[in-house]
Amino acid sequence: MSPKATRSPNSPSRSLGGCFDCAMKLYESFPNADFDQVQIANQMGMSATSGAFKSLLSDLKQYDLITKSANGDFAVSSAVKEYSVADDFEKTAIKYSFATKPKLFMQIIENQGFHLPDANTLANVLVARFAFNKAKASKTAKALWESLEWANAIDEKGNILKPMRENRPDASRKTGQEGGSVDDRESGDSKNLKLDSRPLSVDVPLGDGRVAHVDYPSDFTSDEAAKVGAVLGALAN
């Protein structure tokens, strides 16, 4: 008797980008109405009884693209509806939320310290640390990487990039009496956001309606600030 295949943990087998397109197609057809599995399958050109469709349905739910209704049918999630009317920053944040919504995805990211190895190496990690079988590990590793890439939430080195309020074009950079930016005092997560790899930015008022826009890395030091100041001083002379 052949050994029984290892049953892998529940996790998406498809990347977020393709699943998001499916959700938007459903939203266009059922913007304010519930729909059942047969209607979903018809929209996707699939059989509602096929294994492929059941897998897709699971992925759509895990990414929080569709939700179960009280009557047992489905509806597009509130996040999908919000995305359709969001500005660019809000869309980035919603994409990150979708990409990290699957419980197993977030467990992997946290286990790896918010830094992922390449998909092949990650698949080996899933087999060794998360009890995946090899076939499912490869699908999940690829789905996680591609989902984060689609959400612009990972760089070429594998660092996870969270959306940062400091990068929002209309973000206030005013400083309160207690020091620190308004954003820092409003959110307890701001210190964690500083760990992200994306650069921070600040607008420095110059008077007469003029503003100097400065982009700087999150690990900016006082010595580096002095160096930048010296360069700007030389340019002004």
C-alpha atoms as a PDB file:
ATOM      1  CA  MET A   1       0.000   0.000   0.000  1.00  0.00           C
ATOM      2  CA  SER A   2       1.410   3.382  -0.998  1.00  0.00           C
ATOM      3  CA  PRO A   3       1.893   5.951   1.786  1.00  0.00           C
ATOM      4  CA  LYS A   4      -0.899   8.485   2.207  1.00  0.00           C
ATOM      5  CA  ALA A   5      -0.027  11.921   0.865  1.00  0.00           C
ATOM      6  CA  THR A   6       0.532  14.651   3.422  1.00  0.00           C
ATOM      7  CA  ARG A   7      -2.465  16.967   3.728  1.00  0.00           C
ATOM      8  CA  SER A   8      -1.170  20.519   3.561  1.00  0.00           C
ATOM      9  CA  PRO A   9      -2.537  23.440   5.615  1.00  0.00           C
ATOM     10  CA  ASN A  10      -5.320  25.456   4.017  1.00  0.00           C
ATOM     11  CA  SER A  11      -3.821  28.250   1.895  1.00  0.00           C
ATOM     12  CA  PRO A  12      -4.380  29.877  -1.517  1.00  0.00           C
ATOM     13  CA  SER A  13      -3.113  28.050  -4.592  1.00  0.00           C
ATOM     14  CA  ARG A  14      -3.629  31.057  -6.888  1.00  0.00           C
ATOM     15  CA  SER A  15      -2.077  34.481  -6.777  1.00  0.00           C
ATOM     16  CA  LEU A  16      -4.123  37.463  -5.668  1.00  0.00           C
ATOM     17  CA  GLY A  17      -4.054  39.267  -9.015  1.00  0.00           C
ATOM     18  CA  GLY A  18      -6.101  36.660 -10.875  1.00  0.00           C
ATOM     19  CA  CYS A  19      -8.494  36.224  -7.961  1.00  0.00           C
ATOM     20  CA  PHE A  20      -8.976  39.995  -7.720  1.00  0.00           C
ATOM     21  CA  ASP A  21      -9.944  40.104 -11.410  1.00  0.00           C
ATOM     22  CA  CYS A  22     -12.568  37.433 -10.694  1.00  0.00           C
ATOM     23  CA  ALA A  23     -13.913  39.461  -7.774  1.00  0.00           C
ATOM     24  CA  MET A  24     -14.167  42.621  -9.865  1.00  0.00           C
ATOM     25  CA  LYS A  25     -16.041  40.673 -12.531  1.00  0.00           C
ATOM     26  CA  LEU A  26     -18.508  39.550  -9.871  1.00  0.00           C
ATOM     27  CA  TYR A  27     -18.792  43.113  -8.575  1.00  0.00           C
ATOM     28  CA  GLU A  28     -19.673  44.378 -12.038  1.00  0.00           C
ATOM     29  CA  SER A  29     -22.423  41.763 -12.353  1.00  0.00           C
ATOM     30  CA  PHE A  30     -23.678  41.817  -8.754  1.00  0.00           C
ATOM     31  CA  PRO A  31     -22.758  45.225  -7.271  1.00  0.00           C
ATOM     32  CA  ASN A  32     -25.463  45.146  -4.591  1.00  0.00           C
ATOM     33  CA  ALA A  33     -26.816  41.626  -4.754  1.00  0.00           C
ATOM     34  CA  ASP A  34     -25.918  38.226  -3.378  1.00  0.00           C
ATOM     35  CA  PHE A  35     -24.975  35.363  -5.674  1.00  0.00           C
ATOM     36  CA  ASP A  36     -24.594  31.616  -5.311  1.00  0.00           C
ATOM     37  CA  GLN A  37     -21.888  29.176  -6.337  1.00  0.00           C
ATOM     38  CA  VAL A  38     -23.510  28.397  -9.690  1.00  0.00           C
ATOM     39  CA  GLN A  39     -23.608  32.099 -10.580  1.00  0.00           C
ATOM     40  CA  ILE A  40     -19.943  32.467  -9.623  1.00  0.00           C
ATOM     41  CA  ALA A  41     -19.016  29.457 -11.743  1.00  0.00           C
ATOM     42  CA  ASN A  42     -21.012  30.774 -14.714  1.00  0.00           C
ATOM     43  CA  GLN A  43     -19.215  34.131 -14.492  1.00  0.00           C
ATOM     44  CA  MET A  44     -15.853  32.326 -14.551  1.00  0.00           C
ATOM     45  CA  GLY A  45     -16.828  29.856 -17.280  1.00  0.00           C
ATOM     46  CA  MET A  46     -16.319  26.911 -14.925  1.00  0.00           C
ATOM     47  CA  SER A  47     -18.311  23.965 -13.638  1.00  0.00           C
ATOM     48  CA  ALA A  48     -19.589  24.520 -10.102  1.00  0.00           C
ATOM     49  CA  THR A  49     -18.864  20.878  -9.256  1.00  0.00           C
ATOM     50  CA  SER A  50     -15.260  20.819 -10.453  1.00  0.00           C
ATOM     51  CA  GLY A  51     -12.292  20.655  -8.134  1.00  0.00           C
ATOM     52  CA  ALA A  52     -10.774  23.695  -9.839  1.00  0.00           C
ATOM     53  CA  PHE A  53     -13.835  25.781  -9.049  1.00  0.00           C
ATOM     54  CA  LYS A  54     -13.928  24.672  -5.417  1.00  0.00           C
ATOM     55  CA  SER A  55     -10.272  25.665  -5.129  1.00  0.00           C
ATOM     56  CA  LEU A  56     -10.974  29.081  -6.697  1.00  0.00           C
ATOM     57  CA  LEU A  57     -13.915  29.639  -4.354  1.00  0.00           C
ATOM     58  CA  SER A  58     -11.696  28.888  -1.359  1.00  0.00           C
ATOM     59  CA  ASP A  59      -9.030  31.314  -2.601  1.00  0.00           C
ATOM     60  CA  LEU A  60     -11.559  34.109  -3.147  1.00  0.00           C
ATOM     61  CA  LYS A  61     -12.754  33.681   0.433  1.00  0.00           C
ATOM     62  CA  GLN A  62      -9.254  33.490   1.912  1.00  0.00           C
ATOM     63  CA  TYR A  63      -8.215  36.756   0.226  1.00  0.00           C
ATOM     64  CA  ASP A  64     -11.405  38.392   1.595  1.00  0.00           C
ATOM     65  CA  LEU A  65     -12.626  39.145  -1.933  1.00  0.00           C
ATOM     66  CA  ILE A  66     -16.020  37.545  -1.314  1.00  0.00           C
ATOM     67  CA  THR A  67     -17.866  36.874   1.932  1.00  0.00           C
ATOM     68  CA  LYS A  68     -20.584  34.458   2.992  1.00  0.00           C
ATOM     69  CA  SER A  69     -24.027  36.033   3.322  1.00  0.00           C
ATOM     70  CA  ALA A  70     -26.510  35.308   6.094  1.00  0.00           C
ATOM     71  CA  ASN A  71     -28.650  33.253   3.709  1.00  0.00           C
ATOM     72  CA  GLY A  72     -25.715  31.045   2.721  1.00  0.00           C
ATOM     73  CA  ASP A  73     -24.994  32.794  -0.589  1.00  0.00           C
ATOM     74  CA  PHE A  74     -22.069  35.114  -1.282  1.00  0.00           C
ATOM     75  CA  ALA A  75     -21.395  38.815  -1.861  1.00  0.00           C
ATOM     76  CA  VAL A  76     -18.331  40.812  -2.845  1.00  0.00           C
ATOM     77  CA  SER A  77     -16.540  42.017   0.264  1.00  0.00           C
ATOM     78  CA  SER A  78     -16.769  45.574   1.551  1.00  0.00           C
ATOM     79  CA  ALA A  79     -13.029  45.929   0.832  1.00  0.00           C
ATOM     80  CA  VAL A  80     -13.612  45.257  -2.873  1.00  0.00           C
ATOM     81  CA  LYS A  81     -16.314  47.925  -2.932  1.00  0.00           C
ATOM     82  CA  GLU A  82     -14.040  50.371  -1.099  1.00  0.00           C
ATOM     83  CA  TYR A  83     -11.229  49.691  -3.582  1.00  0.00           C
ATOM     84  CA  SER A  84     -13.425  50.716  -6.501  1.00  0.00           C
ATOM     85  CA  VAL A  85     -13.734  54.276  -5.112  1.00  0.00           C
ATOM     86  CA  ALA A  86     -10.408  54.578  -3.258  1.00  0.00           C
ATOM     87  CA  ASP A  87      -7.557  56.971  -4.007  1.00  0.00           C
ATOM     88  CA  ASP A  88      -4.120  55.635  -4.937  1.00  0.00           C
ATOM     89  CA  PHE A  89      -2.816  55.397  -1.364  1.00  0.00           C
ATOM     90  CA  GLU A  90      -5.978  53.679  -0.143  1.00  0.00           C
ATOM     91  CA  LYS A  91      -5.775  51.212  -3.035  1.00  0.00           C
ATOM     92  CA  THR A  92      -2.204  50.337  -2.029  1.00  0.00           C
ATOM     93  CA  ALA A  93      -3.317  49.727   1.554  1.00  0.00           C
ATOM     94  CA  ILE A  94      -6.284  47.598   0.452  1.00  0.00           C
ATOM     95  CA  LYS A  95      -4.068  45.527  -1.852  1.00  0.00           C
ATOM     96  CA  TYR A  96      -1.688  44.870   1.042  1.00  0.00           C
ATOM     97  CA  SER A  97      -4.638  43.855   3.195  1.00  0.00           C
ATOM     98  CA  PHE A  98      -5.839  41.374   0.564  1.00  0.00           C
ATOM     99  CA  ALA A  99      -2.350  39.908   0.100  1.00  0.00           C
ATOM    100  CA  THR A 100      -1.840  39.331   3.822  1.00  0.00           C
ATOM    101  CA  LYS A 101      -5.418  38.297   4.665  1.00  0.00           C
ATOM    102  CA  PRO A 102      -4.925  34.540   4.289  1.00  0.00           C
ATOM    103  CA  LYS A 103      -4.078  33.315   7.784  1.00  0.00           C
ATOM    104  CA  LEU A 104      -1.330  31.001   6.589  1.00  0.00           C
ATOM    105  CA  PHE A 105       0.254  33.738   4.451  1.00  0.00           C
ATOM    106  CA  MET A 106       0.614  36.005   7.472  1.00  0.00           C
ATOM    107  CA  GLN A 107       2.011  33.165   9.574  1.00  0.00           C
ATOM    108  CA  ILE A 108       4.668  32.524   6.919  1.00  0.00           C
ATOM    109  CA  ILE A 109       5.569  36.219   6.681  1.00  0.00           C
ATOM    110  CA  GLU A 110       5.885  36.563  10.452  1.00  0.00           C
ATOM    111  CA  ASN A 111       7.863  33.320  10.732  1.00  0.00           C
ATOM    112  CA  GLN A 112      10.308  34.629   8.138  1.00  0.00           C
ATOM    113  CA  GLY A 113      10.704  37.993   9.860  1.00  0.00           C
ATOM    114  CA  PHE A 114       8.930  39.942   7.070  1.00  0.00           C
ATOM    115  CA  HIS A 115      11.584  38.803   4.598  1.00  0.00           C
ATOM    116  CA  LEU A 116      10.952  36.000   2.109  1.00  0.00           C
ATOM    117  CA  PRO A 117      13.518  33.883   0.277  1.00  0.00           C
ATOM    118  CA  ASP A 118      12.919  33.080  -3.399  1.00  0.00           C
ATOM    119  CA  ALA A 119       9.862  30.960  -4.184  1.00  0.00           C
ATOM    120  CA  ASN A 120      11.807  27.701  -4.545  1.00  0.00           C
ATOM    121  CA  THR A 121      13.546  28.131  -1.193  1.00  0.00           C
ATOM    122  CA  LEU A 122      10.293  29.237   0.414  1.00  0.00           C
ATOM    123  CA  ALA A 123       8.614  26.053  -0.817  1.00  0.00           C
ATOM    124  CA  ASN A 124      11.257  24.040   1.046  1.00  0.00           C
ATOM    125  CA  VAL A 125      10.563  26.121   4.170  1.00  0.00           C
ATOM    126  CA  LEU A 126       6.865  25.305   3.894  1.00  0.00           C
ATOM    127  CA  VAL A 127       7.629  21.582   3.736  1.00  0.00           C
ATOM    128  CA  ALA A 128      10.041  21.705   6.691  1.00  0.00           C
ATOM    129  CA  ARG A 129       8.245  24.140   9.001  1.00  0.00           C
ATOM    130  CA  PHE A 130       4.584  24.095   8.007  1.00  0.00           C
ATOM    131  CA  ALA A 131       4.030  20.422   7.077  1.00  0.00           C
ATOM    132  CA  PHE A 132       3.167  21.050   3.421  1.00  0.00           C
ATOM    133  CA  ASN A 133       3.525  18.376   0.798  1.00  0.00           C
ATOM    134  CA  LYS A 134       5.875  19.360  -2.014  1.00  0.00           C
ATOM    135  CA  ALA A 135       3.231  19.992  -4.676  1.00  0.00           C
ATOM    136  CA  LYS A 136       1.120  22.282  -2.509  1.00  0.00           C
ATOM    137  CA  ALA A 137       4.226  23.992  -1.092  1.00  0.00           C
ATOM    138  CA  SER A 138       5.303  25.048  -4.595  1.00  0.00           C
ATOM    139  CA  LYS A 139       1.846  26.428  -5.414  1.00  0.00           C
ATOM    140  CA  THR A 140       1.561  28.314  -2.125  1.00  0.00           C
ATOM    141  CA  ALA A 141       5.069  29.779  -2.270  1.00  0.00           C
ATOM    142  CA  LYS A 142       4.451  31.012  -5.815  1.00  0.00           C
ATOM    143  CA  ALA A 143       1.006  32.373  -4.883  1.00  0.00           C
ATOM    144  CA  LEU A 144       2.422  34.266  -1.896  1.00  0.00           C
ATOM    145  CA  TRP A 145       5.276  35.823  -3.861  1.00  0.00           C
ATOM    146  CA  GLU A 146       3.087  36.789  -6.818  1.00  0.00           C
ATOM    147  CA  SER A 147       0.387  38.188  -4.538  1.00  0.00           C
ATOM    148  CA  LEU A 148       2.853  40.442  -2.731  1.00  0.00           C
ATOM    149  CA  GLU A 149       4.366  41.539  -6.054  1.00  0.00           C
ATOM    150  CA  TRP A 150       0.888  42.375  -7.393  1.00  0.00           C
ATOM    151  CA  ALA A 151       0.259  44.457  -4.277  1.00  0.00           C
ATOM    152  CA  ASN A 152       3.660  46.201  -4.602  1.00  0.00           C
ATOM    153  CA  ALA A 153       4.363  44.845  -1.123  1.00  0.00           C
ATOM    154  CA  ILE A 154       7.730  43.148  -1.653  1.00  0.00           C
ATOM    155  CA  ASP A 155      11.032  44.325  -3.120  1.00  0.00           C
ATOM    156  CA  GLU A 156      13.543  42.415  -5.233  1.00  0.00           C
ATOM    157  CA  LYS A 157      15.395  41.306  -2.091  1.00  0.00           C
ATOM    158  CA  GLY A 158      12.290  39.797  -0.539  1.00  0.00           C
ATOM    159  CA  ASN A 159      11.640  42.527   2.040  1.00  0.00           C
ATOM    160  CA  ILE A 160       7.955  42.973   2.842  1.00  0.00           C
ATOM    161  CA  LEU A 161       6.825  46.565   2.236  1.00  0.00           C
ATOM    162  CA  LYS A 162       3.890  47.766   4.282  1.00  0.00           C
ATOM    163  CA  PRO A 163       1.910  50.796   3.068  1.00  0.00           C
ATOM    164  CA  MET A 164       3.195  53.837   4.935  1.00  0.00           C
ATOM    165  CA  ARG A 165       1.112  56.854   5.795  1.00  0.00           C
ATOM    166  CA  GLU A 166       4.217  59.050   5.436  1.00  0.00           C
ATOM    167  CA  ASN A 167       4.226  58.374   1.676  1.00  0.00           C
ATOM    168  CA  ARG A 168       0.691  59.589   1.149  1.00  0.00           C
ATOM    169  CA  PRO A 169       0.810  62.768  -0.964  1.00  0.00           C
ATOM    170  CA  ASP A 170      -1.629  64.653   1.272  1.00  0.00           C
ATOM    171  CA  ALA A 171      -0.263  63.317   4.575  1.00  0.00           C
ATOM    172  CA  SER A 172       0.167  66.006   7.217  1.00  0.00           C
ATOM    173  CA  ARG A 173       3.723  66.532   8.382  1.00  0.00           C
ATOM    174  CA  LYS A 174       2.843  68.998  11.104  1.00  0.00           C
ATOM    175  CA  THR A 175       4.471  68.510  14.474  1.00  0.00           C
ATOM    176  CA  GLY A 176       2.501  68.673  17.724  1.00  0.00           C
ATOM    177  CA  GLN A 177       3.572  70.185  21.019  1.00  0.00           C
ATOM    178  CA  GLU A 178       4.700  66.818  22.342  1.00  0.00           C
ATOM    179  CA  GLY A 179       7.026  66.299  19.382  1.00  0.00           C
ATOM    180  CA  GLY A 180       6.819  63.831  16.531  1.00  0.00           C
ATOM    181  CA  SER A 181       4.515  63.954  13.557  1.00  0.00           C
ATOM    182  CA  VAL A 182       0.748  63.958  13.886  1.00  0.00           C
ATOM    183  CA  ASP A 183       0.742  60.575  12.172  1.00  0.00           C
ATOM    184  CA  ASP A 184       3.138  59.150  14.777  1.00  0.00           C
ATOM    185  CA  ARG A 185       0.913  60.263  17.655  1.00  0.00           C
ATOM    186  CA  GLU A 186      -2.274  59.028  16.002  1.00  0.00           C
ATOM    187  CA  SER A 187      -1.132  55.460  15.425  1.00  0.00           C
ATOM    188  CA  GLY A 188       0.501  53.042  17.827  1.00  0.00           C
ATOM    189  CA  ASP A 189       1.829  51.128  14.822  1.00  0.00           C
ATOM    190  CA  SER A 190       3.871  54.036  13.479  1.00  0.00           C
ATOM    191  CA  LYS A 191       7.135  52.844  15.000  1.00  0.00           C
ATOM    192  CA  ASN A 192       6.667  49.487  13.288  1.00  0.00           C
ATOM    193  CA  LEU A 193       5.997  51.242  10.001  1.00  0.00           C
ATOM    194  CA  LYS A 194       9.413  52.878  10.262  1.00  0.00           C
ATOM    195  CA  LEU A 195      10.929  49.442   9.685  1.00  0.00           C
ATOM    196  CA  ASP A 196       9.621  49.332   6.131  1.00  0.00           C
ATOM    197  CA  SER A 197      12.020  49.609   3.229  1.00  0.00           C
ATOM    198  CA  ARG A 198      10.165  52.339   1.356  1.00  0.00           C
ATOM    199  CA  PRO A 199      11.571  55.844   1.763  1.00  0.00           C
ATOM    200  CA  LEU A 200       9.855  58.408   3.937  1.00  0.00           C
ATOM    201  CA  SER A 201       9.144  61.934   2.740  1.00  0.00           C
ATOM    202  CA  VAL A 202       8.623  65.385   4.183  1.00  0.00           C
ATOM    203  CA  ASP A 203       7.656  68.783   2.749  1.00  0.00           C
ATOM    204  CA  VAL A 204       9.664  71.709   4.150  1.00  0.00           C
ATOM    205  CA  PRO A 205       7.930  75.123   3.762  1.00  0.00           C
ATOM    206  CA  LEU A 206      10.305  77.740   2.326  1.00  0.00           C
ATOM    207  CA  GLY A 207       8.009  80.747   2.343  1.00  0.00           C
ATOM    208  CA  ASP A 208       6.181  82.548  -0.457  1.00  0.00           C
ATOM    209  CA  GLY A 209       4.268  79.361  -1.170  1.00  0.00           C
ATOM    210  CA  ARG A 210       7.410  77.414  -2.040  1.00  0.00           C
ATOM    211  CA  VAL A 211       8.076  73.933  -0.636  1.00  0.00           C
ATOM    212  CA  ALA A 212      11.106  71.635  -0.672  1.00  0.00           C
ATOM    213  CA  HIS A 213      10.117  67.970  -0.941  1.00  0.00           C
ATOM    214  CA  VAL A 214      12.634  65.603   0.671  1.00  0.00           C
ATOM    215  CA  ASP A 215      12.675  61.806   0.368  1.00  0.00           C
ATOM    216  CA  TYR A 216      14.845  59.959   2.885  1.00  0.00           C
ATOM    217  CA  PRO A 217      15.355  56.347   4.059  1.00  0.00           C
ATOM    218  CA  SER A 218      13.643  55.125   7.216  1.00  0.00           C
ATOM    219  CA  ASP A 219      17.031  54.481   8.884  1.00  0.00           C
ATOM    220  CA  PHE A 220      18.254  58.037   8.225  1.00  0.00           C
ATOM    221  CA  THR A 221      21.005  59.112  10.685  1.00  0.00           C
ATOM    222  CA  SER A 222      21.970  62.548  12.009  1.00  0.00           C
ATOM    223  CA  ASP A 223      25.347  62.327  10.233  1.00  0.00           C
ATOM    224  CA  GLU A 224      23.584  61.628   6.942  1.00  0.00           C
ATOM    225  CA  ALA A 225      21.219  64.531   7.579  1.00  0.00           C
ATOM    226  CA  ALA A 226      24.236  66.809   8.072  1.00  0.00           C
ATOM    227  CA  LYS A 227      25.711  65.565   4.815  1.00  0.00           C
ATOM    228  CA  VAL A 228      22.492  66.333   2.937  1.00  0.00           C
ATOM    229  CA  GLY A 229      22.373  69.763   4.580  1.00  0.00           C
ATOM    230  CA  ALA A 230      25.920  70.492   3.432  1.00  0.00           C
ATOM    231  CA  VAL A 231      25.054  69.564  -0.141  1.00  0.00           C
ATOM    232  CA  LEU A 232      21.940  71.726  -0.138  1.00  0.00           C
ATOM    233  CA  GLY A 233      23.938  74.574   1.367  1.00  0.00           C
ATOM    234  CA  ALA A 234      26.484  74.322  -1.453  1.00  0.00           C
ATOM    235  CA  LEU A 235      23.725  74.355  -4.053  1.00  0.00           C
ATOM    236  CA  ALA A 236      22.258  77.531  -2.598  1.00  0.00           C
ATOM    237  CA  ASN A 237      25.550  79.471  -2.816  1.00  0.00           C
END
